[in-house]
mmCIF file of all heavy atoms, coordinates in Angstrom:
data_MODEL
# 
_entry.id   MODEL 
# 
loop_
_atom_site.group_PDB 
_atom_site.id 
_atom_site.type_symbol 
_atom_site.label_atom_id 
_atom_site.label_alt_id 
_atom_site.label_comp_id 
_atom_site.label_asym_id 
_atom_site.label_entity_id 
_atom_site.label_seq_id 
_atom_site.pdbx_PDB_ins_code 
_atom_site.Cartn_x 
_atom_site.Cartn_y 
_atom_site.Cartn_z 
_atom_site.occupancy 
_atom_site.B_iso_or_equiv 
_atom_site.pdbx_formal_charge 
_atom_site.auth_seq_id 
_atom_site.auth_comp_id 
_atom_site.auth_asym_id 
_atom_site.auth_atom_id 
_atom_site.pdbx_PDB_model_num 
ATOM 1   N N   . ILE A 1 1  ? 118.346 97.244  83.939 1.00 0.00 ? 1  ILE A N   1 
ATOM 2   C CA  . ILE A 1 1  ? 117.976 97.823  82.591 1.00 0.00 ? 1  ILE A CA  1 
ATOM 3   C C   . ILE A 1 1  ? 116.562 98.167  82.436 1.00 0.00 ? 1  ILE A C   1 
ATOM 4   O O   . ILE A 1 1  ? 116.161 99.246  81.996 1.00 0.00 ? 1  ILE A O   1 
ATOM 5   C CB  . ILE A 1 1  ? 118.435 96.858  81.404 1.00 0.00 ? 1  ILE A CB  1 
ATOM 6   C CG1 . ILE A 1 1  ? 119.909 96.731  81.420 1.00 0.00 ? 1  ILE A CG1 1 
ATOM 7   C CG2 . ILE A 1 1  ? 117.862 97.346  80.104 1.00 0.00 ? 1  ILE A CG2 1 
ATOM 8   C CD1 . ILE A 1 1  ? 120.484 95.665  80.418 1.00 0.00 ? 1  ILE A CD1 1 
ATOM 9   N N   . ARG A 1 2  ? 115.658 97.265  82.882 1.00 0.00 ? 2  ARG A N   1 
ATOM 10  C CA  . ARG A 1 2  ? 114.251 97.511  82.874 1.00 0.00 ? 2  ARG A CA  1 
ATOM 11  C C   . ARG A 1 2  ? 113.899 98.751  83.789 1.00 0.00 ? 2  ARG A C   1 
ATOM 12  O O   . ARG A 1 2  ? 113.075 99.562  83.341 1.00 0.00 ? 2  ARG A O   1 
ATOM 13  C CB  . ARG A 1 2  ? 113.432 96.323  83.258 1.00 0.00 ? 2  ARG A CB  1 
ATOM 14  C CG  . ARG A 1 2  ? 111.914 96.469  83.237 1.00 0.00 ? 2  ARG A CG  1 
ATOM 15  C CD  . ARG A 1 2  ? 111.230 95.270  83.552 1.00 0.00 ? 2  ARG A CD  1 
ATOM 16  N NE  . ARG A 1 2  ? 109.795 95.368  83.677 1.00 0.00 ? 2  ARG A NE  1 
ATOM 17  C CZ  . ARG A 1 2  ? 108.935 95.536  82.710 1.00 0.00 ? 2  ARG A CZ  1 
ATOM 18  N NH1 . ARG A 1 2  ? 109.387 95.356  81.412 1.00 0.00 ? 2  ARG A NH1 1 
ATOM 19  N NH2 . ARG A 1 2  ? 107.681 95.776  82.744 1.00 0.00 ? 2  ARG A NH2 1 
ATOM 20  N N   . GLU A 1 3  ? 114.446 98.777  84.965 1.00 0.00 ? 3  GLU A N   1 
ATOM 21  C CA  . GLU A 1 3  ? 114.133 99.905  85.781 1.00 0.00 ? 3  GLU A CA  1 
ATOM 22  C C   . GLU A 1 3  ? 114.638 101.225 85.320 1.00 0.00 ? 3  GLU A C   1 
ATOM 23  O O   . GLU A 1 3  ? 113.941 102.202 85.236 1.00 0.00 ? 3  GLU A O   1 
ATOM 24  C CB  . GLU A 1 3  ? 114.779 99.610  87.205 1.00 0.00 ? 3  GLU A CB  1 
ATOM 25  C CG  . GLU A 1 3  ? 114.138 98.504  88.026 1.00 0.00 ? 3  GLU A CG  1 
ATOM 26  C CD  . GLU A 1 3  ? 114.881 98.233  89.294 1.00 0.00 ? 3  GLU A CD  1 
ATOM 27  O OE1 . GLU A 1 3  ? 116.025 98.739  89.482 1.00 0.00 ? 3  GLU A OE1 1 
ATOM 28  O OE2 . GLU A 1 3  ? 114.346 97.461  90.163 1.00 0.00 ? 3  GLU A OE2 1 
ATOM 29  N N   . LYS A 1 4  ? 115.826 101.278 84.700 1.00 0.00 ? 4  LYS A N   1 
ATOM 30  C CA  . LYS A 1 4  ? 116.245 102.485 84.063 1.00 0.00 ? 4  LYS A CA  1 
ATOM 31  C C   . LYS A 1 4  ? 115.496 102.882 82.884 1.00 0.00 ? 4  LYS A C   1 
ATOM 32  O O   . LYS A 1 4  ? 115.203 104.081 82.672 1.00 0.00 ? 4  LYS A O   1 
ATOM 33  C CB  . LYS A 1 4  ? 117.744 102.357 83.651 1.00 0.00 ? 4  LYS A CB  1 
ATOM 34  C CG  . LYS A 1 4  ? 118.331 103.668 83.235 1.00 0.00 ? 4  LYS A CG  1 
ATOM 35  C CD  . LYS A 1 4  ? 118.360 104.711 84.308 1.00 0.00 ? 4  LYS A CD  1 
ATOM 36  C CE  . LYS A 1 4  ? 119.092 105.958 83.880 1.00 0.00 ? 4  LYS A CE  1 
ATOM 37  N NZ  . LYS A 1 4  ? 119.063 107.085 84.969 1.00 0.00 ? 4  LYS A NZ  1 
ATOM 38  N N   . SER A 1 5  ? 115.075 101.904 82.080 1.00 0.00 ? 5  SER A N   1 
ATOM 39  C CA  . SER A 1 5  ? 114.214 102.148 80.926 1.00 0.00 ? 5  SER A CA  1 
ATOM 40  C C   . SER A 1 5  ? 112.887 102.737 81.318 1.00 0.00 ? 5  SER A C   1 
ATOM 41  O O   . SER A 1 5  ? 112.369 103.748 80.701 1.00 0.00 ? 5  SER A O   1 
ATOM 42  C CB  . SER A 1 5  ? 113.998 100.875 80.173 1.00 0.00 ? 5  SER A CB  1 
ATOM 43  O OG  . SER A 1 5  ? 115.220 100.285 79.673 1.00 0.00 ? 5  SER A OG  1 
ATOM 44  N N   . ALA A 1 6  ? 112.389 102.260 82.373 1.00 0.00 ? 6  ALA A N   1 
ATOM 45  C CA  . ALA A 1 6  ? 111.004 102.732 82.936 1.00 0.00 ? 6  ALA A CA  1 
ATOM 46  C C   . ALA A 1 6  ? 111.279 104.235 83.353 1.00 0.00 ? 6  ALA A C   1 
ATOM 47  O O   . ALA A 1 6  ? 110.277 105.103 83.125 1.00 0.00 ? 6  ALA A O   1 
ATOM 48  C CB  . ALA A 1 6  ? 110.517 101.929 84.119 1.00 0.00 ? 6  ALA A CB  1 
ATOM 49  N N   . GLU A 1 7  ? 112.236 104.559 83.934 1.00 0.00 ? 7  GLU A N   1 
ATOM 50  C CA  . GLU A 1 7  ? 112.574 105.933 84.381 1.00 0.00 ? 7  GLU A CA  1 
ATOM 51  C C   . GLU A 1 7  ? 112.675 106.840 83.120 1.00 0.00 ? 7  GLU A C   1 
ATOM 52  O O   . GLU A 1 7  ? 112.020 107.903 83.146 1.00 0.00 ? 7  GLU A O   1 
ATOM 53  C CB  . GLU A 1 7  ? 113.789 105.935 85.124 1.00 0.00 ? 7  GLU A CB  1 
ATOM 54  C CG  . GLU A 1 7  ? 114.314 107.408 85.563 1.00 0.00 ? 7  GLU A CG  1 
ATOM 55  C CD  . GLU A 1 7  ? 115.737 107.350 86.241 1.00 0.00 ? 7  GLU A CD  1 
ATOM 56  O OE1 . GLU A 1 7  ? 116.113 106.317 86.844 1.00 0.00 ? 7  GLU A OE1 1 
ATOM 57  O OE2 . GLU A 1 7  ? 116.381 108.374 85.978 1.00 0.00 ? 7  GLU A OE2 1 
ATOM 58  N N   . LEU A 1 8  ? 113.377 106.429 82.153 1.00 0.00 ? 8  LEU A N   1 
ATOM 59  C CA  . LEU A 1 8  ? 113.596 107.119 80.939 1.00 0.00 ? 8  LEU A CA  1 
ATOM 60  C C   . LEU A 1 8  ? 112.305 107.333 80.184 1.00 0.00 ? 8  LEU A C   1 
ATOM 61  O O   . LEU A 1 8  ? 111.916 108.406 79.644 1.00 0.00 ? 8  LEU A O   1 
ATOM 62  C CB  . LEU A 1 8  ? 114.625 106.569 80.042 1.00 0.00 ? 8  LEU A CB  1 
ATOM 63  C CG  . LEU A 1 8  ? 116.036 106.595 80.610 1.00 0.00 ? 8  LEU A CG  1 
ATOM 64  C CD1 . LEU A 1 8  ? 117.016 105.754 79.715 1.00 0.00 ? 8  LEU A CD1 1 
ATOM 65  C CD2 . LEU A 1 8  ? 116.593 108.115 80.792 1.00 0.00 ? 8  LEU A CD2 1 
ATOM 66  N N   . VAL A 1 9  ? 111.559 106.295 80.076 1.00 0.00 ? 9  VAL A N   1 
ATOM 67  C CA  . VAL A 1 9  ? 110.249 106.271 79.393 1.00 0.00 ? 9  VAL A CA  1 
ATOM 68  C C   . VAL A 1 9  ? 109.251 107.206 80.085 1.00 0.00 ? 9  VAL A C   1 
ATOM 69  O O   . VAL A 1 9  ? 108.488 107.937 79.352 1.00 0.00 ? 9  VAL A O   1 
ATOM 70  C CB  . VAL A 1 9  ? 109.686 104.791 79.298 1.00 0.00 ? 9  VAL A CB  1 
ATOM 71  C CG1 . VAL A 1 9  ? 108.157 104.940 79.035 1.00 0.00 ? 9  VAL A CG1 1 
ATOM 72  C CG2 . VAL A 1 9  ? 110.304 103.981 78.295 1.00 0.00 ? 9  VAL A CG2 1 
ATOM 73  N N   . SER A 1 10 ? 109.260 107.286 81.408 1.00 0.00 ? 10 SER A N   1 
ATOM 74  C CA  . SER A 1 10 ? 108.343 108.122 82.133 1.00 0.00 ? 10 SER A CA  1 
ATOM 75  C C   . SER A 1 10 ? 108.714 109.677 81.700 1.00 0.00 ? 10 SER A C   1 
ATOM 76  O O   . SER A 1 10 ? 107.793 110.426 81.525 1.00 0.00 ? 10 SER A O   1 
ATOM 77  C CB  . SER A 1 10 ? 108.483 108.006 83.598 1.00 0.00 ? 10 SER A CB  1 
ATOM 78  O OG  . SER A 1 10 ? 107.939 106.725 84.045 1.00 0.00 ? 10 SER A OG  1 
ATOM 79  N N   . LYS A 1 11 ? 109.963 109.858 81.785 1.00 0.00 ? 11 LYS A N   1 
ATOM 80  C CA  . LYS A 1 11 ? 110.355 111.316 81.356 1.00 0.00 ? 11 LYS A CA  1 
ATOM 81  C C   . LYS A 1 11 ? 109.967 111.644 79.887 1.00 0.00 ? 11 LYS A C   1 
ATOM 82  O O   . LYS A 1 11 ? 109.396 112.713 79.705 1.00 0.00 ? 11 LYS A O   1 
ATOM 83  C CB  . LYS A 1 11 ? 111.886 111.380 81.564 1.00 0.00 ? 11 LYS A CB  1 
ATOM 84  C CG  . LYS A 1 11 ? 112.464 112.806 81.187 1.00 0.00 ? 11 LYS A CG  1 
ATOM 85  C CD  . LYS A 1 11 ? 113.961 112.815 81.336 1.00 0.00 ? 11 LYS A CD  1 
ATOM 86  C CE  . LYS A 1 11 ? 114.608 114.209 81.023 1.00 0.00 ? 11 LYS A CE  1 
ATOM 87  N NZ  . LYS A 1 11 ? 116.015 114.244 81.179 1.00 0.00 ? 11 LYS A NZ  1 
ATOM 88  N N   . SER A 1 12 ? 110.208 110.707 78.986 1.00 0.00 ? 12 SER A N   1 
ATOM 89  C CA  . SER A 1 12 ? 109.848 110.976 77.604 1.00 0.00 ? 12 SER A CA  1 
ATOM 90  C C   . SER A 1 12 ? 108.399 111.097 77.420 1.00 0.00 ? 12 SER A C   1 
ATOM 91  O O   . SER A 1 12 ? 107.871 111.967 76.665 1.00 0.00 ? 12 SER A O   1 
ATOM 92  C CB  . SER A 1 12 ? 110.410 109.822 76.740 1.00 0.00 ? 12 SER A CB  1 
ATOM 93  O OG  . SER A 1 12 ? 111.787 109.770 76.643 1.00 0.00 ? 12 SER A OG  1 
ATOM 94  N N   . PHE A 1 13 ? 107.613 110.259 78.082 1.00 0.00 ? 13 PHE A N   1 
ATOM 95  C CA  . PHE A 1 13 ? 106.075 110.345 77.912 1.00 0.00 ? 13 PHE A CA  1 
ATOM 96  C C   . PHE A 1 13 ? 105.592 111.516 78.492 1.00 0.00 ? 13 PHE A C   1 
ATOM 97  O O   . PHE A 1 13 ? 104.554 112.061 78.102 1.00 0.00 ? 13 PHE A O   1 
ATOM 98  C CB  . PHE A 1 13 ? 105.470 109.071 78.497 1.00 0.00 ? 13 PHE A CB  1 
ATOM 99  C CG  . PHE A 1 13 ? 105.622 107.854 77.589 1.00 0.00 ? 13 PHE A CG  1 
ATOM 100 C CD1 . PHE A 1 13 ? 105.608 106.549 78.166 1.00 0.00 ? 13 PHE A CD1 1 
ATOM 101 C CD2 . PHE A 1 13 ? 105.646 107.975 76.279 1.00 0.00 ? 13 PHE A CD2 1 
ATOM 102 C CE1 . PHE A 1 13 ? 105.563 105.490 77.363 1.00 0.00 ? 13 PHE A CE1 1 
ATOM 103 C CE2 . PHE A 1 13 ? 105.790 106.908 75.354 1.00 0.00 ? 13 PHE A CE2 1 
ATOM 104 C CZ  . PHE A 1 13 ? 105.703 105.623 75.996 1.00 0.00 ? 13 PHE A CZ  1 
ATOM 105 N N   . ARG A 1 14 ? 106.172 112.042 79.604 1.00 0.00 ? 14 ARG A N   1 
ATOM 106 C CA  . ARG A 1 14 ? 105.717 113.369 80.236 1.00 0.00 ? 14 ARG A CA  1 
ATOM 107 C C   . ARG A 1 14 ? 105.869 114.456 79.160 1.00 0.00 ? 14 ARG A C   1 
ATOM 108 O O   . ARG A 1 14 ? 105.033 115.303 78.930 1.00 0.00 ? 14 ARG A O   1 
ATOM 109 C CB  . ARG A 1 14 ? 106.469 113.720 81.486 1.00 0.00 ? 14 ARG A CB  1 
ATOM 110 C CG  . ARG A 1 14 ? 106.022 112.999 82.725 1.00 0.00 ? 14 ARG A CG  1 
ATOM 111 C CD  . ARG A 1 14 ? 106.525 113.720 83.957 1.00 0.00 ? 14 ARG A CD  1 
ATOM 112 N NE  . ARG A 1 14 ? 107.979 113.645 84.064 1.00 0.00 ? 14 ARG A NE  1 
ATOM 113 C CZ  . ARG A 1 14 ? 108.631 112.661 84.526 1.00 0.00 ? 14 ARG A CZ  1 
ATOM 114 N NH1 . ARG A 1 14 ? 108.055 111.605 84.932 1.00 0.00 ? 14 ARG A NH1 1 
ATOM 115 N NH2 . ARG A 1 14 ? 110.114 112.733 84.569 1.00 0.00 ? 14 ARG A NH2 1 
ATOM 116 N N   . TYR A 1 15 ? 107.025 114.408 78.448 1.00 0.00 ? 15 TYR A N   1 
ATOM 117 C CA  . TYR A 1 15 ? 107.216 115.440 77.460 1.00 0.00 ? 15 TYR A CA  1 
ATOM 118 C C   . TYR A 1 15 ? 106.318 115.245 76.304 1.00 0.00 ? 15 TYR A C   1 
ATOM 119 O O   . TYR A 1 15 ? 105.619 116.292 75.856 1.00 0.00 ? 15 TYR A O   1 
ATOM 120 C CB  . TYR A 1 15 ? 108.687 115.327 76.910 1.00 0.00 ? 15 TYR A CB  1 
ATOM 121 C CG  . TYR A 1 15 ? 108.983 116.010 75.643 1.00 0.00 ? 15 TYR A CG  1 
ATOM 122 C CD1 . TYR A 1 15 ? 109.034 117.436 75.632 1.00 0.00 ? 15 TYR A CD1 1 
ATOM 123 C CD2 . TYR A 1 15 ? 109.144 115.265 74.410 1.00 0.00 ? 15 TYR A CD2 1 
ATOM 124 C CE1 . TYR A 1 15 ? 109.248 118.022 74.373 1.00 0.00 ? 15 TYR A CE1 1 
ATOM 125 C CE2 . TYR A 1 15 ? 109.449 115.869 73.296 1.00 0.00 ? 15 TYR A CE2 1 
ATOM 126 C CZ  . TYR A 1 15 ? 109.474 117.252 73.238 1.00 0.00 ? 15 TYR A CZ  1 
ATOM 127 O OH  . TYR A 1 15 ? 109.773 117.925 71.980 1.00 0.00 ? 15 TYR A OH  1 
ATOM 128 N N   . ALA A 1 16 ? 106.032 114.060 75.800 1.00 0.00 ? 16 ALA A N   1 
ATOM 129 C CA  . ALA A 1 16 ? 105.163 113.820 74.740 1.00 0.00 ? 16 ALA A CA  1 
ATOM 130 C C   . ALA A 1 16 ? 103.686 114.160 75.042 1.00 0.00 ? 16 ALA A C   1 
ATOM 131 O O   . ALA A 1 16 ? 102.959 114.706 74.205 1.00 0.00 ? 16 ALA A O   1 
ATOM 132 C CB  . ALA A 1 16 ? 105.249 112.371 74.252 1.00 0.00 ? 16 ALA A CB  1 
ATOM 133 N N   . ASP A 1 17 ? 103.293 113.843 76.322 1.00 0.00 ? 17 ASP A N   1 
ATOM 134 C CA  . ASP A 1 17 ? 101.890 114.012 76.722 1.00 0.00 ? 17 ASP A CA  1 
ATOM 135 C C   . ASP A 1 17 ? 101.597 115.471 76.638 1.00 0.00 ? 17 ASP A C   1 
ATOM 136 O O   . ASP A 1 17 ? 100.492 116.002 76.295 1.00 0.00 ? 17 ASP A O   1 
ATOM 137 C CB  . ASP A 1 17 ? 101.692 113.427 78.076 1.00 0.00 ? 17 ASP A CB  1 
ATOM 138 C CG  . ASP A 1 17 ? 100.152 113.273 78.310 1.00 0.00 ? 17 ASP A CG  1 
ATOM 139 O OD1 . ASP A 1 17 ? 99.552  112.349 77.724 1.00 0.00 ? 17 ASP A OD1 1 
ATOM 140 O OD2 . ASP A 1 17 ? 99.622  113.916 79.184 1.00 0.00 ? 17 ASP A OD2 1 
ATOM 141 N N   . GLN A 1 18 ? 102.525 116.306 77.110 1.00 0.00 ? 18 GLN A N   1 
ATOM 142 C CA  . GLN A 1 18 ? 102.373 117.806 77.078 1.00 0.00 ? 18 GLN A CA  1 
ATOM 143 C C   . GLN A 1 18 ? 102.243 118.321 75.680 1.00 0.00 ? 18 GLN A C   1 
ATOM 144 O O   . GLN A 1 18 ? 101.419 119.120 75.326 1.00 0.00 ? 18 GLN A O   1 
ATOM 145 C CB  . GLN A 1 18 ? 103.565 118.460 77.771 1.00 0.00 ? 18 GLN A CB  1 
ATOM 146 C CG  . GLN A 1 18 ? 103.565 118.272 79.286 1.00 0.00 ? 18 GLN A CG  1 
ATOM 147 C CD  . GLN A 1 18 ? 104.870 118.743 79.903 1.00 0.00 ? 18 GLN A CD  1 
ATOM 148 O OE1 . GLN A 1 18 ? 105.781 119.307 79.207 1.00 0.00 ? 18 GLN A OE1 1 
ATOM 149 N NE2 . GLN A 1 18 ? 104.986 118.532 81.175 1.00 0.00 ? 18 GLN A NE2 1 
ATOM 150 N N   . LYS A 1 19 ? 103.146 117.713 74.694 1.00 0.00 ? 19 LYS A N   1 
ATOM 151 C CA  . LYS A 1 19 ? 103.064 118.038 73.298 1.00 0.00 ? 19 LYS A CA  1 
ATOM 152 C C   . LYS A 1 19 ? 101.689 117.691 72.779 1.00 0.00 ? 19 LYS A C   1 
ATOM 153 O O   . LYS A 1 19 ? 101.179 118.387 71.788 1.00 0.00 ? 19 LYS A O   1 
ATOM 154 C CB  . LYS A 1 19 ? 104.145 117.325 72.540 1.00 0.00 ? 19 LYS A CB  1 
ATOM 155 C CG  . LYS A 1 19 ? 105.537 117.923 72.728 1.00 0.00 ? 19 LYS A CG  1 
ATOM 156 C CD  . LYS A 1 19 ? 105.897 119.132 71.838 1.00 0.00 ? 19 LYS A CD  1 
ATOM 157 C CE  . LYS A 1 19 ? 105.955 118.678 70.435 1.00 0.00 ? 19 LYS A CE  1 
ATOM 158 N NZ  . LYS A 1 19 ? 106.329 119.823 69.506 1.00 0.00 ? 19 LYS A NZ  1 
ATOM 159 N N   . MET A 1 20 ? 101.150 116.690 73.194 1.00 0.00 ? 20 MET A N   1 
ATOM 160 C CA  . MET A 1 20 ? 99.874  116.144 72.596 1.00 0.00 ? 20 MET A CA  1 
ATOM 161 C C   . MET A 1 20 ? 98.665  116.783 73.245 1.00 0.00 ? 20 MET A C   1 
ATOM 162 O O   . MET A 1 20 ? 97.531  116.339 73.010 1.00 0.00 ? 20 MET A O   1 
ATOM 163 C CB  . MET A 1 20 ? 99.875  114.669 72.801 1.00 0.00 ? 20 MET A CB  1 
ATOM 164 C CG  . MET A 1 20 ? 100.909 113.845 72.097 1.00 0.00 ? 20 MET A CG  1 
ATOM 165 S SD  . MET A 1 20 ? 100.913 114.112 70.298 1.00 0.00 ? 20 MET A SD  1 
ATOM 166 C CE  . MET A 1 20 ? 99.550  113.015 69.897 1.00 0.00 ? 20 MET A CE  1 
ATOM 167 N N   . ALA A 1 21 ? 98.843  117.765 74.079 1.00 0.00 ? 21 ALA A N   1 
ATOM 168 C CA  . ALA A 1 21 ? 97.619  118.407 74.703 1.00 0.00 ? 21 ALA A CA  1 
ATOM 169 C C   . ALA A 1 21 ? 96.747  119.031 73.681 1.00 0.00 ? 21 ALA A C   1 
ATOM 170 O O   . ALA A 1 21 ? 95.526  119.128 73.856 1.00 0.00 ? 21 ALA A O   1 
ATOM 171 C CB  . ALA A 1 21 ? 98.143  119.497 75.601 1.00 0.00 ? 21 ALA A CB  1 
ATOM 172 N N   . ARG A 1 22 ? 97.233  119.425 72.524 1.00 0.00 ? 22 ARG A N   1 
ATOM 173 C CA  . ARG A 1 22 ? 96.394  119.962 71.487 1.00 0.00 ? 22 ARG A CA  1 
ATOM 174 C C   . ARG A 1 22 ? 95.760  118.924 70.581 1.00 0.00 ? 22 ARG A C   1 
ATOM 175 O O   . ARG A 1 22 ? 95.065  119.173 69.589 1.00 0.00 ? 22 ARG A O   1 
ATOM 176 C CB  . ARG A 1 22 ? 97.237  120.936 70.635 1.00 0.00 ? 22 ARG A CB  1 
ATOM 177 C CG  . ARG A 1 22 ? 98.517  120.301 69.990 1.00 0.00 ? 22 ARG A CG  1 
ATOM 178 C CD  . ARG A 1 22 ? 99.346  121.355 69.468 1.00 0.00 ? 22 ARG A CD  1 
ATOM 179 N NE  . ARG A 1 22 ? 100.606 120.737 68.990 1.00 0.00 ? 22 ARG A NE  1 
ATOM 180 C CZ  . ARG A 1 22 ? 101.633 121.528 68.542 1.00 0.00 ? 22 ARG A CZ  1 
ATOM 181 N NH1 . ARG A 1 22 ? 101.568 122.783 68.435 1.00 0.00 ? 22 ARG A NH1 1 
ATOM 182 N NH2 . ARG A 1 22 ? 102.763 120.869 68.092 1.00 0.00 ? 22 ARG A NH2 1 
ATOM 183 N N   . GLY A 1 23 ? 96.064  117.669 70.909 1.00 0.00 ? 23 GLY A N   1 
ATOM 184 C CA  . GLY A 1 23 ? 95.482  116.526 70.139 1.00 0.00 ? 23 GLY A CA  1 
ATOM 185 C C   . GLY A 1 23 ? 96.440  115.716 69.264 1.00 0.00 ? 23 GLY A C   1 
ATOM 186 O O   . GLY A 1 23 ? 96.401  114.577 69.169 1.00 0.00 ? 23 GLY A O   1 
ATOM 187 N N   . TRP A 1 24 ? 97.400  116.441 68.641 1.00 0.00 ? 24 TRP A N   1 
ATOM 188 C CA  . TRP A 1 24 ? 98.368  115.916 67.724 1.00 0.00 ? 24 TRP A CA  1 
ATOM 189 C C   . TRP A 1 24 ? 99.722  116.442 67.937 1.00 0.00 ? 24 TRP A C   1 
ATOM 190 O O   . TRP A 1 24 ? 99.883  117.519 68.487 1.00 0.00 ? 24 TRP A O   1 
ATOM 191 C CB  . TRP A 1 24 ? 97.956  116.032 66.296 1.00 0.00 ? 24 TRP A CB  1 
ATOM 192 C CG  . TRP A 1 24 ? 96.512  115.605 65.943 1.00 0.00 ? 24 TRP A CG  1 
ATOM 193 C CD1 . TRP A 1 24 ? 95.517  116.535 65.623 1.00 0.00 ? 24 TRP A CD1 1 
ATOM 194 C CD2 . TRP A 1 24 ? 95.987  114.314 65.976 1.00 0.00 ? 24 TRP A CD2 1 
ATOM 195 N NE1 . TRP A 1 24 ? 94.385  115.815 65.353 1.00 0.00 ? 24 TRP A NE1 1 
ATOM 196 C CE2 . TRP A 1 24 ? 94.618  114.422 65.574 1.00 0.00 ? 24 TRP A CE2 1 
ATOM 197 C CE3 . TRP A 1 24 ? 96.457  113.095 66.143 1.00 0.00 ? 24 TRP A CE3 1 
ATOM 198 C CZ2 . TRP A 1 24 ? 93.770  113.380 65.464 1.00 0.00 ? 24 TRP A CZ2 1 
ATOM 199 C CZ3 . TRP A 1 24 ? 95.683  112.068 66.044 1.00 0.00 ? 24 TRP A CZ3 1 
ATOM 200 C CH2 . TRP A 1 24 ? 94.350  112.187 65.672 1.00 0.00 ? 24 TRP A CH2 1 
ATOM 201 N N   . TRP A 1 25 ? 100.774 115.753 67.464 1.00 0.00 ? 25 TRP A N   1 
ATOM 202 C CA  . TRP A 1 25 ? 102.135 116.201 67.635 1.00 0.00 ? 25 TRP A CA  1 
ATOM 203 C C   . TRP A 1 25 ? 102.314 117.578 66.889 1.00 0.00 ? 25 TRP A C   1 
ATOM 204 O O   . TRP A 1 25 ? 102.942 118.518 67.438 1.00 0.00 ? 25 TRP A O   1 
ATOM 205 C CB  . TRP A 1 25 ? 103.110 115.225 67.067 1.00 0.00 ? 25 TRP A CB  1 
ATOM 206 C CG  . TRP A 1 25 ? 104.541 115.651 67.218 1.00 0.00 ? 25 TRP A CG  1 
ATOM 207 C CD1 . TRP A 1 25 ? 105.328 116.385 66.363 1.00 0.00 ? 25 TRP A CD1 1 
ATOM 208 C CD2 . TRP A 1 25 ? 105.387 115.320 68.418 1.00 0.00 ? 25 TRP A CD2 1 
ATOM 209 N NE1 . TRP A 1 25 ? 106.663 116.553 66.910 1.00 0.00 ? 25 TRP A NE1 1 
ATOM 210 C CE2 . TRP A 1 25 ? 106.640 115.881 68.151 1.00 0.00 ? 25 TRP A CE2 1 
ATOM 211 C CE3 . TRP A 1 25 ? 105.166 114.616 69.557 1.00 0.00 ? 25 TRP A CE3 1 
ATOM 212 C CZ2 . TRP A 1 25 ? 107.751 115.757 69.006 1.00 0.00 ? 25 TRP A CZ2 1 
ATOM 213 C CZ3 . TRP A 1 25 ? 106.203 114.547 70.441 1.00 0.00 ? 25 TRP A CZ3 1 
ATOM 214 C CH2 . TRP A 1 25 ? 107.552 115.069 70.168 1.00 0.00 ? 25 TRP A CH2 1 
ATOM 215 N N   . LEU A 1 26 ? 101.780 117.737 65.673 1.00 0.00 ? 26 LEU A N   1 
ATOM 216 C CA  . LEU A 1 26 ? 101.724 118.994 64.867 1.00 0.00 ? 26 LEU A CA  1 
ATOM 217 C C   . LEU A 1 26 ? 100.331 119.607 65.074 1.00 0.00 ? 26 LEU A C   1 
ATOM 218 O O   . LEU A 1 26 ? 99.564  119.117 65.952 1.00 0.00 ? 26 LEU A O   1 
ATOM 219 C CB  . LEU A 1 26 ? 101.975 118.622 63.494 1.00 0.00 ? 26 LEU A CB  1 
ATOM 220 C CG  . LEU A 1 26 ? 103.297 117.994 63.212 1.00 0.00 ? 26 LEU A CG  1 
ATOM 221 C CD1 . LEU A 1 26 ? 103.485 117.714 61.693 1.00 0.00 ? 26 LEU A CD1 1 
ATOM 222 C CD2 . LEU A 1 26 ? 104.529 118.790 63.599 1.00 0.00 ? 26 LEU A CD2 1 
# 
């Protein structure tokens, strides 16, 4: 469960980090 969660978290954070390139979500 922990290993799968780490995999999913990495994918989600990659997406979020790209969104935050301008500084904020909005």
